Amino acid sequence: MKEVNVDVAVMGAGTAGMAAYRAACETGVRTVLIESGEFGTTCARVGCIPSKLLLAAANGLHDARASRRAASKARMRKARMRLRLISAACLSTCDANATTSSTAS
């Protein structure tokens, strides 16, 4: 096993370990960071932050779909209104024709 002489040995590369390592390096002393797994906090690697990114993406998709549905509903309301106006115009024309036909007889 290789022997290393250092002034400061920081155990763990989580939030506190990384801050301690940076602080020791800034003073100019020989520093080593010891970590058995991946560097960084669980929150940054696999916990809170990735979860929040996934939730933000899902919320964005939900909002886009809701917006599209709202626009579709607005178009349907507009089309129904046009149909009502056309129907009303047809009925009034039919009524006018019926009245004209009955008075002409």
Foldseek 3Di string as FASTA:
>chain_A
DDDDDWDEEQEAQEPVSVVVQVVVVVVPTGYYYDYPDDHYHCCVPPNVPVVVVVVVVVVVVVVVVVVVVVVVVVVVVVVVVVVVVVVVVVVVVVVVVVVVVVVVD
